[in-house]
N, C-alpha and C. Protein backbone atom coordinates (compact mmCIF):
# COMPACT_ATOMS: atom_id res chain seq x y z
N MET A 1 0.83 -1.18 0.00
CA MET A 1 0.00 0.00 0.00
C MET A 1 0.88 1.25 0.00
N ALA A 2 1.88 1.27 -0.83
CA ALA A 2 2.78 2.42 -0.90
C ALA A 2 2.04 3.63 -1.48
N ASN A 3 2.64 4.81 -1.36
CA ASN A 3 1.98 6.03 -1.84
C ASN A 3 2.06 6.11 -3.36
N ALA A 4 1.50 7.18 -3.92
CA ALA A 4 1.39 7.31 -5.37
C ALA A 4 2.73 7.26 -6.09
N SER A 5 3.77 7.81 -5.49
CA SER A 5 5.08 7.80 -6.14
C SER A 5 5.84 6.50 -5.87
N ASN A 6 5.19 5.57 -5.19
CA ASN A 6 5.75 4.27 -4.84
C ASN A 6 6.91 4.34 -3.87
N ALA A 7 7.18 5.51 -3.30
CA ALA A 7 8.20 5.59 -2.27
C ALA A 7 7.58 5.09 -0.97
N LEU A 8 8.28 4.21 -0.30
CA LEU A 8 7.80 3.67 0.97
C LEU A 8 7.96 4.75 2.05
N LEU A 9 6.86 5.14 2.69
CA LEU A 9 6.89 6.21 3.69
C LEU A 9 6.78 5.69 5.11
N ALA A 10 6.14 4.55 5.29
CA ALA A 10 5.99 4.00 6.64
C ALA A 10 5.71 2.51 6.54
N ARG A 11 6.01 1.84 7.63
CA ARG A 11 5.74 0.40 7.73
C ARG A 11 5.17 0.16 9.12
N ALA A 12 4.13 -0.67 9.16
CA ALA A 12 3.55 -1.03 10.46
C ALA A 12 3.43 -2.55 10.53
N LEU A 13 3.63 -3.05 11.71
CA LEU A 13 3.48 -4.47 11.97
C LEU A 13 2.39 -4.60 13.02
N LEU A 14 1.40 -5.43 12.75
CA LEU A 14 0.28 -5.61 13.66
C LEU A 14 0.36 -6.99 14.29
N GLN A 15 0.26 -7.04 15.62
CA GLN A 15 0.34 -8.30 16.36
C GLN A 15 -0.86 -8.39 17.28
N GLN A 16 -1.71 -9.36 17.04
CA GLN A 16 -2.85 -9.60 17.92
C GLN A 16 -2.31 -10.11 19.25
N CYS A 17 -2.89 -9.66 20.37
CA CYS A 17 -2.39 -10.11 21.67
C CYS A 17 -3.53 -10.34 22.65
N LEU A 18 -3.25 -11.17 23.64
CA LEU A 18 -4.16 -11.38 24.76
C LEU A 18 -3.77 -10.47 25.91
N TYR A 19 -2.47 -10.11 25.96
CA TYR A 19 -1.92 -9.25 27.00
C TYR A 19 -0.57 -8.76 26.51
N ALA A 20 -0.24 -7.51 26.82
CA ALA A 20 1.08 -7.00 26.47
C ALA A 20 1.51 -5.98 27.51
N ARG A 21 2.80 -5.98 27.80
CA ARG A 21 3.38 -5.08 28.79
C ARG A 21 4.68 -4.53 28.20
N LEU A 22 4.80 -3.20 28.17
CA LEU A 22 5.96 -2.55 27.56
C LEU A 22 6.65 -1.66 28.59
N GLN A 23 7.95 -1.85 28.73
CA GLN A 23 8.74 -0.98 29.62
C GLN A 23 9.04 0.30 28.86
N VAL A 24 8.56 1.42 29.40
CA VAL A 24 8.75 2.70 28.73
C VAL A 24 9.83 3.55 29.39
N LYS A 25 10.27 3.12 30.57
CA LYS A 25 11.38 3.81 31.25
C LYS A 25 12.15 2.78 32.04
N PRO A 26 13.44 2.65 31.78
CA PRO A 26 14.22 1.63 32.50
C PRO A 26 14.41 2.03 33.97
N PRO A 27 14.73 1.05 34.81
CA PRO A 27 14.98 1.38 36.22
C PRO A 27 16.24 2.24 36.34
N GLU A 28 16.19 3.16 37.25
CA GLU A 28 17.35 4.00 37.52
C GLU A 28 17.63 3.97 39.01
N ARG A 29 18.74 4.47 39.38
CA ARG A 29 19.10 4.50 40.80
C ARG A 29 17.99 5.22 41.57
N GLY A 30 17.38 4.50 42.50
CA GLY A 30 16.34 5.08 43.32
C GLY A 30 14.94 5.05 42.73
N SER A 31 14.78 4.49 41.53
CA SER A 31 13.43 4.41 40.95
C SER A 31 13.25 3.10 40.18
N GLU A 32 12.05 2.62 40.20
CA GLU A 32 11.70 1.39 39.50
C GLU A 32 11.48 1.67 38.01
N ALA A 33 11.47 0.63 37.22
CA ALA A 33 11.13 0.76 35.81
C ALA A 33 9.66 1.17 35.69
N LYS A 34 9.33 1.86 34.61
CA LYS A 34 7.94 2.24 34.36
C LYS A 34 7.42 1.40 33.20
N TRP A 35 6.24 0.82 33.39
CA TRP A 35 5.63 -0.05 32.39
C TRP A 35 4.24 0.46 32.03
N VAL A 36 3.80 0.16 30.80
CA VAL A 36 2.41 0.32 30.40
C VAL A 36 1.93 -1.05 29.95
N GLU A 37 0.63 -1.31 30.08
CA GLU A 37 0.13 -2.62 29.67
C GLU A 37 -1.29 -2.53 29.14
N ILE A 38 -1.61 -3.50 28.31
CA ILE A 38 -2.97 -3.64 27.79
C ILE A 38 -3.41 -5.08 27.95
N GLN A 39 -4.70 -5.27 27.93
CA GLN A 39 -5.28 -6.60 27.86
C GLN A 39 -5.52 -6.91 26.39
N ARG A 40 -6.45 -7.75 26.09
CA ARG A 40 -6.71 -8.21 24.72
C ARG A 40 -6.83 -7.05 23.73
N GLY A 41 -6.13 -7.19 22.62
CA GLY A 41 -6.19 -6.15 21.62
C GLY A 41 -5.12 -6.31 20.56
N LEU A 42 -4.51 -5.18 20.23
CA LEU A 42 -3.59 -5.12 19.10
C LEU A 42 -2.34 -4.33 19.46
N ILE A 43 -1.19 -4.89 19.12
CA ILE A 43 0.06 -4.17 19.23
C ILE A 43 0.38 -3.64 17.83
N ILE A 44 0.66 -2.34 17.74
CA ILE A 44 1.02 -1.72 16.47
C ILE A 44 2.46 -1.23 16.57
N TYR A 45 3.35 -1.86 15.82
CA TYR A 45 4.73 -1.40 15.72
C TYR A 45 4.78 -0.46 14.52
N VAL A 46 5.42 0.69 14.66
CA VAL A 46 5.40 1.65 13.56
C VAL A 46 6.79 2.23 13.30
N CYS A 47 7.10 2.40 12.01
CA CYS A 47 8.39 2.95 11.57
C CYS A 47 8.12 3.90 10.41
N PHE A 48 8.75 5.07 10.46
CA PHE A 48 8.61 6.06 9.38
C PHE A 48 9.90 6.14 8.58
N PHE A 49 9.74 6.35 7.26
CA PHE A 49 10.88 6.44 6.37
C PHE A 49 11.07 7.88 5.88
N LYS A 50 12.24 8.15 5.31
CA LYS A 50 12.51 9.47 4.74
C LYS A 50 11.40 9.83 3.75
N GLY A 51 10.97 11.08 3.80
CA GLY A 51 9.91 11.54 2.91
C GLY A 51 8.54 11.52 3.54
N ALA A 52 8.38 10.81 4.66
CA ALA A 52 7.07 10.78 5.34
C ALA A 52 6.79 12.14 5.96
N ASN A 53 5.51 12.52 5.95
CA ASN A 53 5.09 13.75 6.63
C ASN A 53 3.71 13.52 7.24
N GLU A 54 3.15 14.56 7.84
CA GLU A 54 1.90 14.41 8.59
C GLU A 54 0.72 14.00 7.70
N GLU A 55 0.82 14.16 6.40
CA GLU A 55 -0.28 13.79 5.50
C GLU A 55 -0.57 12.29 5.51
N ILE A 56 0.42 11.47 5.86
CA ILE A 56 0.22 10.03 5.85
C ILE A 56 -0.48 9.52 7.11
N ILE A 57 -0.48 10.30 8.16
CA ILE A 57 -1.00 9.85 9.46
C ILE A 57 -2.47 9.43 9.41
N PRO A 58 -3.38 10.25 8.87
CA PRO A 58 -4.79 9.82 8.85
C PRO A 58 -5.02 8.51 8.10
N LYS A 59 -4.33 8.32 6.99
CA LYS A 59 -4.47 7.08 6.21
C LYS A 59 -3.97 5.88 7.02
N MET A 60 -2.84 6.05 7.68
CA MET A 60 -2.30 4.97 8.51
C MET A 60 -3.28 4.60 9.61
N VAL A 61 -3.76 5.60 10.34
CA VAL A 61 -4.66 5.35 11.47
C VAL A 61 -5.93 4.67 10.98
N ASN A 62 -6.52 5.19 9.91
CA ASN A 62 -7.75 4.60 9.38
C ASN A 62 -7.53 3.14 8.98
N THR A 63 -6.46 2.87 8.28
CA THR A 63 -6.18 1.51 7.83
C THR A 63 -5.92 0.58 9.01
N LEU A 64 -5.03 0.98 9.91
CA LEU A 64 -4.60 0.09 10.99
C LEU A 64 -5.69 -0.18 12.02
N LEU A 65 -6.53 0.81 12.30
CA LEU A 65 -7.58 0.61 13.29
C LEU A 65 -8.82 -0.06 12.72
N ASN A 66 -8.96 -0.06 11.40
CA ASN A 66 -10.17 -0.62 10.80
C ASN A 66 -9.97 -1.93 10.04
N VAL A 67 -8.73 -2.36 9.85
CA VAL A 67 -8.49 -3.63 9.17
C VAL A 67 -9.01 -4.77 10.05
N LYS A 68 -9.65 -5.75 9.43
CA LYS A 68 -10.30 -6.83 10.17
C LYS A 68 -9.32 -7.96 10.44
N LEU A 69 -8.59 -7.84 11.55
CA LEU A 69 -7.60 -8.85 11.95
C LEU A 69 -7.85 -9.43 13.33
N SER A 70 -8.76 -8.85 14.09
CA SER A 70 -9.01 -9.29 15.46
C SER A 70 -10.11 -10.35 15.46
N GLU A 71 -9.82 -11.47 16.09
CA GLU A 71 -10.75 -12.60 16.08
C GLU A 71 -11.69 -12.54 17.28
N THR A 72 -12.99 -12.64 17.00
CA THR A 72 -13.99 -12.67 18.07
C THR A 72 -14.04 -14.07 18.66
N GLU A 73 -14.80 -14.21 19.75
CA GLU A 73 -14.96 -15.53 20.38
C GLU A 73 -15.57 -16.52 19.40
N GLY A 74 -16.41 -16.02 18.48
CA GLY A 74 -17.06 -16.88 17.50
C GLY A 74 -16.23 -17.18 16.27
N GLY A 75 -15.01 -16.66 16.20
CA GLY A 75 -14.13 -16.94 15.07
C GLY A 75 -14.25 -15.96 13.92
N LYS A 76 -15.07 -14.93 14.08
CA LYS A 76 -15.23 -13.92 13.04
C LYS A 76 -14.12 -12.88 13.19
N TYR A 77 -13.65 -12.32 12.07
CA TYR A 77 -12.61 -11.31 12.11
C TYR A 77 -13.23 -9.92 12.00
N VAL A 78 -12.84 -9.06 12.93
CA VAL A 78 -13.34 -7.69 12.99
C VAL A 78 -12.17 -6.76 13.26
N SER A 79 -12.40 -5.46 13.14
CA SER A 79 -11.35 -4.49 13.46
C SER A 79 -11.15 -4.43 14.97
N VAL A 80 -10.03 -3.90 15.41
CA VAL A 80 -9.78 -3.75 16.84
C VAL A 80 -10.82 -2.83 17.47
N LEU A 81 -11.33 -1.86 16.70
CA LEU A 81 -12.37 -0.97 17.22
C LEU A 81 -13.69 -1.70 17.39
N ASP A 82 -13.98 -2.66 16.50
CA ASP A 82 -15.23 -3.41 16.58
C ASP A 82 -15.16 -4.55 17.59
N LEU A 83 -13.96 -4.96 17.97
CA LEU A 83 -13.81 -6.08 18.90
C LEU A 83 -14.55 -5.82 20.21
N PRO A 84 -14.49 -4.76 20.91
CA PRO A 84 -13.44 -3.75 20.92
C PRO A 84 -12.24 -4.23 21.73
N GLY A 85 -11.04 -3.77 21.31
CA GLY A 85 -9.82 -4.19 21.98
C GLY A 85 -8.92 -3.01 22.26
N SER A 86 -8.01 -3.20 23.20
CA SER A 86 -7.05 -2.16 23.55
C SER A 86 -5.92 -2.13 22.52
N ILE A 87 -5.15 -1.05 22.55
CA ILE A 87 -4.09 -0.85 21.56
C ILE A 87 -2.80 -0.46 22.28
N LEU A 88 -1.71 -1.08 21.87
CA LEU A 88 -0.38 -0.71 22.34
C LEU A 88 0.43 -0.32 21.11
N ILE A 89 0.91 0.93 21.09
CA ILE A 89 1.70 1.41 19.96
C ILE A 89 3.17 1.43 20.37
N VAL A 90 4.00 0.79 19.56
CA VAL A 90 5.42 0.67 19.85
C VAL A 90 6.23 1.26 18.69
N PRO A 91 7.02 2.30 18.95
CA PRO A 91 7.90 2.81 17.89
C PRO A 91 8.95 1.74 17.59
N GLN A 92 9.16 1.45 16.31
CA GLN A 92 10.03 0.33 15.96
C GLN A 92 10.89 0.67 14.75
N ALA A 93 11.93 1.45 14.96
CA ALA A 93 12.80 1.87 13.86
C ALA A 93 13.45 0.70 13.15
N THR A 94 13.60 -0.43 13.83
CA THR A 94 14.26 -1.56 13.19
C THR A 94 13.45 -2.14 12.04
N LEU A 95 12.16 -1.76 11.93
CA LEU A 95 11.36 -2.20 10.78
C LEU A 95 11.88 -1.59 9.48
N GLY A 96 12.74 -0.58 9.60
CA GLY A 96 13.31 0.07 8.42
C GLY A 96 14.66 -0.48 8.00
N GLY A 97 15.11 -1.51 8.66
CA GLY A 97 16.43 -2.05 8.38
C GLY A 97 16.49 -2.90 7.12
N LYS A 98 17.66 -2.84 6.47
CA LYS A 98 17.92 -3.68 5.30
C LYS A 98 19.28 -4.35 5.53
N PRO A 99 19.36 -5.64 5.23
CA PRO A 99 20.65 -6.31 5.42
C PRO A 99 21.67 -5.89 4.38
N LYS A 100 22.88 -5.69 4.84
CA LYS A 100 24.01 -5.45 3.94
C LYS A 100 25.14 -6.30 4.49
N GLY A 101 25.41 -7.35 3.76
CA GLY A 101 26.38 -8.32 4.27
C GLY A 101 25.80 -8.99 5.50
N ARG A 102 26.54 -8.92 6.59
CA ARG A 102 26.09 -9.53 7.84
C ARG A 102 25.57 -8.48 8.83
N SER A 103 25.38 -7.26 8.36
CA SER A 103 24.92 -6.17 9.21
C SER A 103 23.60 -5.62 8.70
N MET A 104 22.94 -4.86 9.56
CA MET A 104 21.71 -4.19 9.17
C MET A 104 22.01 -2.70 9.02
N GLN A 105 21.40 -2.09 8.01
CA GLN A 105 21.55 -0.65 7.81
C GLN A 105 20.18 -0.01 7.83
N TYR A 106 20.14 1.23 8.30
CA TYR A 106 18.87 1.94 8.49
C TYR A 106 18.88 3.28 7.77
N HIS A 107 19.48 3.33 6.59
CA HIS A 107 19.63 4.57 5.84
C HIS A 107 18.30 5.14 5.35
N SER A 108 17.27 4.30 5.23
CA SER A 108 15.97 4.76 4.74
C SER A 108 15.10 5.38 5.82
N ASN A 109 15.48 5.19 7.08
CA ASN A 109 14.66 5.70 8.18
C ASN A 109 14.68 7.22 8.24
N ILE A 110 13.58 7.77 8.70
CA ILE A 110 13.43 9.21 8.87
C ILE A 110 14.35 9.69 10.00
N ASP A 111 14.70 10.97 10.00
CA ASP A 111 15.53 11.50 11.09
C ASP A 111 14.74 11.45 12.39
N LYS A 112 15.46 11.38 13.50
CA LYS A 112 14.84 11.16 14.81
C LYS A 112 13.84 12.26 15.19
N GLU A 113 14.15 13.51 14.91
CA GLU A 113 13.27 14.61 15.29
C GLU A 113 11.94 14.55 14.54
N THR A 114 12.00 14.36 13.22
CA THR A 114 10.78 14.27 12.41
C THR A 114 10.02 13.00 12.75
N GLY A 115 10.72 11.91 12.93
CA GLY A 115 10.07 10.65 13.29
C GLY A 115 9.34 10.75 14.62
N SER A 116 9.94 11.42 15.58
CA SER A 116 9.31 11.61 16.88
C SER A 116 8.02 12.43 16.75
N ALA A 117 8.06 13.47 15.93
CA ALA A 117 6.87 14.31 15.73
C ALA A 117 5.76 13.51 15.04
N LEU A 118 6.11 12.72 14.03
CA LEU A 118 5.11 11.91 13.33
C LEU A 118 4.53 10.85 14.26
N TYR A 119 5.38 10.24 15.06
CA TYR A 119 4.94 9.22 16.01
C TYR A 119 3.94 9.84 17.00
N SER A 120 4.25 11.01 17.49
CA SER A 120 3.36 11.70 18.43
C SER A 120 2.01 11.99 17.78
N GLN A 121 2.02 12.45 16.53
CA GLN A 121 0.78 12.71 15.80
C GLN A 121 -0.01 11.42 15.58
N PHE A 122 0.69 10.35 15.28
CA PHE A 122 0.05 9.05 15.06
C PHE A 122 -0.65 8.59 16.34
N VAL A 123 0.05 8.68 17.47
CA VAL A 123 -0.53 8.27 18.76
C VAL A 123 -1.76 9.13 19.08
N THR A 124 -1.64 10.44 18.90
CA THR A 124 -2.75 11.35 19.20
C THR A 124 -3.98 11.04 18.36
N LEU A 125 -3.79 10.81 17.07
CA LEU A 125 -4.94 10.51 16.21
C LEU A 125 -5.56 9.16 16.57
N CYS A 126 -4.75 8.18 16.92
CA CYS A 126 -5.28 6.89 17.37
C CYS A 126 -6.10 7.07 18.65
N GLU A 127 -5.59 7.88 19.58
CA GLU A 127 -6.33 8.16 20.82
C GLU A 127 -7.67 8.80 20.52
N GLN A 128 -7.68 9.74 19.59
CA GLN A 128 -8.92 10.43 19.23
C GLN A 128 -9.93 9.46 18.61
N GLU A 129 -9.46 8.56 17.74
CA GLU A 129 -10.35 7.59 17.12
C GLU A 129 -10.93 6.63 18.16
N LEU A 130 -10.11 6.21 19.10
CA LEU A 130 -10.57 5.32 20.17
C LEU A 130 -11.60 6.03 21.04
N ALA A 131 -11.34 7.29 21.40
CA ALA A 131 -12.25 8.06 22.24
C ALA A 131 -13.58 8.34 21.53
N ALA A 132 -13.56 8.42 20.21
CA ALA A 132 -14.77 8.71 19.44
C ALA A 132 -15.62 7.46 19.21
N ASN A 133 -15.09 6.30 19.53
CA ASN A 133 -15.80 5.04 19.31
C ASN A 133 -16.55 4.64 20.58
N THR A 134 -17.87 4.71 20.52
CA THR A 134 -18.71 4.43 21.69
C THR A 134 -18.48 3.03 22.24
N ARG A 135 -18.34 2.04 21.38
CA ARG A 135 -18.12 0.66 21.85
C ARG A 135 -16.84 0.57 22.68
N CYS A 136 -15.80 1.28 22.24
CA CYS A 136 -14.52 1.24 22.94
C CYS A 136 -14.61 1.96 24.29
N THR A 137 -15.24 3.12 24.31
CA THR A 137 -15.33 3.86 25.57
C THR A 137 -16.21 3.12 26.57
N GLU A 138 -17.30 2.52 26.10
CA GLU A 138 -18.18 1.76 26.99
C GLU A 138 -17.49 0.52 27.53
N ALA A 139 -16.64 -0.10 26.72
CA ALA A 139 -15.93 -1.31 27.14
C ALA A 139 -14.69 -1.00 27.98
N GLY A 140 -14.32 0.27 28.05
CA GLY A 140 -13.16 0.66 28.85
C GLY A 140 -11.83 0.27 28.24
N VAL A 141 -11.79 0.14 26.91
CA VAL A 141 -10.51 -0.20 26.28
C VAL A 141 -9.56 0.98 26.37
N VAL A 142 -8.29 0.70 26.32
CA VAL A 142 -7.28 1.73 26.49
C VAL A 142 -6.30 1.74 25.33
N LEU A 143 -5.61 2.85 25.19
CA LEU A 143 -4.50 2.95 24.25
C LEU A 143 -3.27 3.34 25.07
N LYS A 144 -2.23 2.56 24.94
CA LYS A 144 -0.95 2.85 25.59
C LYS A 144 0.10 2.91 24.50
N HIS A 145 1.22 3.56 24.81
CA HIS A 145 2.26 3.68 23.79
C HIS A 145 3.64 3.75 24.41
N GLY A 146 4.61 3.39 23.59
CA GLY A 146 6.00 3.44 23.99
C GLY A 146 6.60 4.81 23.77
N THR A 147 7.87 4.91 24.09
CA THR A 147 8.61 6.17 24.00
C THR A 147 9.50 6.13 22.76
N TYR A 148 9.34 7.11 21.89
CA TYR A 148 10.10 7.15 20.65
C TYR A 148 11.59 7.33 20.93
N GLY A 149 12.40 6.54 20.27
CA GLY A 149 13.85 6.69 20.35
C GLY A 149 14.52 5.96 21.51
N ASN A 150 13.73 5.26 22.33
CA ASN A 150 14.31 4.53 23.46
C ASN A 150 14.22 3.03 23.23
N ARG A 151 15.17 2.31 23.79
CA ARG A 151 15.10 0.85 23.78
C ARG A 151 14.08 0.47 24.84
N GLN A 152 13.20 -0.47 24.50
CA GLN A 152 12.13 -0.83 25.42
C GLN A 152 12.01 -2.35 25.51
N VAL A 153 11.52 -2.84 26.63
CA VAL A 153 11.33 -4.26 26.85
C VAL A 153 9.85 -4.57 26.66
N LEU A 154 9.54 -5.59 25.87
CA LEU A 154 8.16 -5.96 25.59
C LEU A 154 7.92 -7.39 26.04
N LYS A 155 6.83 -7.58 26.76
CA LYS A 155 6.38 -8.92 27.16
C LYS A 155 4.95 -9.06 26.66
N MET A 156 4.63 -10.22 26.08
CA MET A 156 3.27 -10.38 25.58
C MET A 156 2.85 -11.83 25.55
N ASP A 157 1.53 -12.00 25.59
CA ASP A 157 0.90 -13.29 25.36
C ASP A 157 0.07 -13.11 24.10
N THR A 158 0.27 -14.02 23.16
CA THR A 158 -0.49 -13.92 21.91
C THR A 158 -1.33 -15.17 21.72
N ASN A 159 -2.32 -15.04 20.89
CA ASN A 159 -3.12 -16.19 20.48
C ASN A 159 -2.87 -16.41 19.00
N GLY A 160 -1.61 -16.47 18.65
CA GLY A 160 -1.20 -16.60 17.26
C GLY A 160 0.01 -17.50 17.18
N PRO A 161 1.09 -17.15 16.55
CA PRO A 161 1.38 -15.78 16.15
C PRO A 161 0.46 -15.35 15.02
N PHE A 162 0.03 -14.14 15.11
CA PHE A 162 -0.90 -13.59 14.15
C PHE A 162 -0.41 -12.19 13.85
N THR A 163 0.60 -12.11 12.96
CA THR A 163 1.30 -10.86 12.70
C THR A 163 1.16 -10.48 11.23
N HIS A 164 0.86 -9.21 10.99
CA HIS A 164 0.71 -8.71 9.62
C HIS A 164 1.52 -7.44 9.44
N MET A 165 2.13 -7.31 8.26
CA MET A 165 2.88 -6.10 7.92
C MET A 165 2.08 -5.31 6.88
N ILE A 166 1.98 -4.00 7.12
CA ILE A 166 1.29 -3.12 6.18
C ILE A 166 2.23 -1.96 5.87
N GLU A 167 2.41 -1.69 4.58
CA GLU A 167 3.30 -0.61 4.16
C GLU A 167 2.48 0.54 3.56
N PHE A 168 2.98 1.74 3.76
CA PHE A 168 2.30 2.95 3.28
C PHE A 168 3.25 3.76 2.41
């Protein structure tokens, strides 16, 4: 699903989960690690490439939140919003890596400052879509997210693996 000029602007990986816990701040002297967690729902890993800008965000959010990948108790596939399920967004720059020899290179990735701004916009629009969905608010589903540019620890239980990659 690349853009009109066929330049890859973003990549997302979707992972259905029963539970997920993400460390967003490592332990430091005198303080514990900080974690966020969700129950049943969807983990969205996101990576932006050079050339991406805020225009891609609405398309990404619409596609990722409405694609029918979440399985109901009856075996039917619905969107995470229709499930309704919680969402964990994880910035994942390594999705932009390409092998060169025995190493990985990330030359296609967006610069950290622009990537951080796009990630923040992506999270905000996802939060707004979740808040606007009556089924989600009534069910008490949540949206949690990781910290852009930091190494994070992820723990999860899945009912898969049920992972899909979508490119924009």
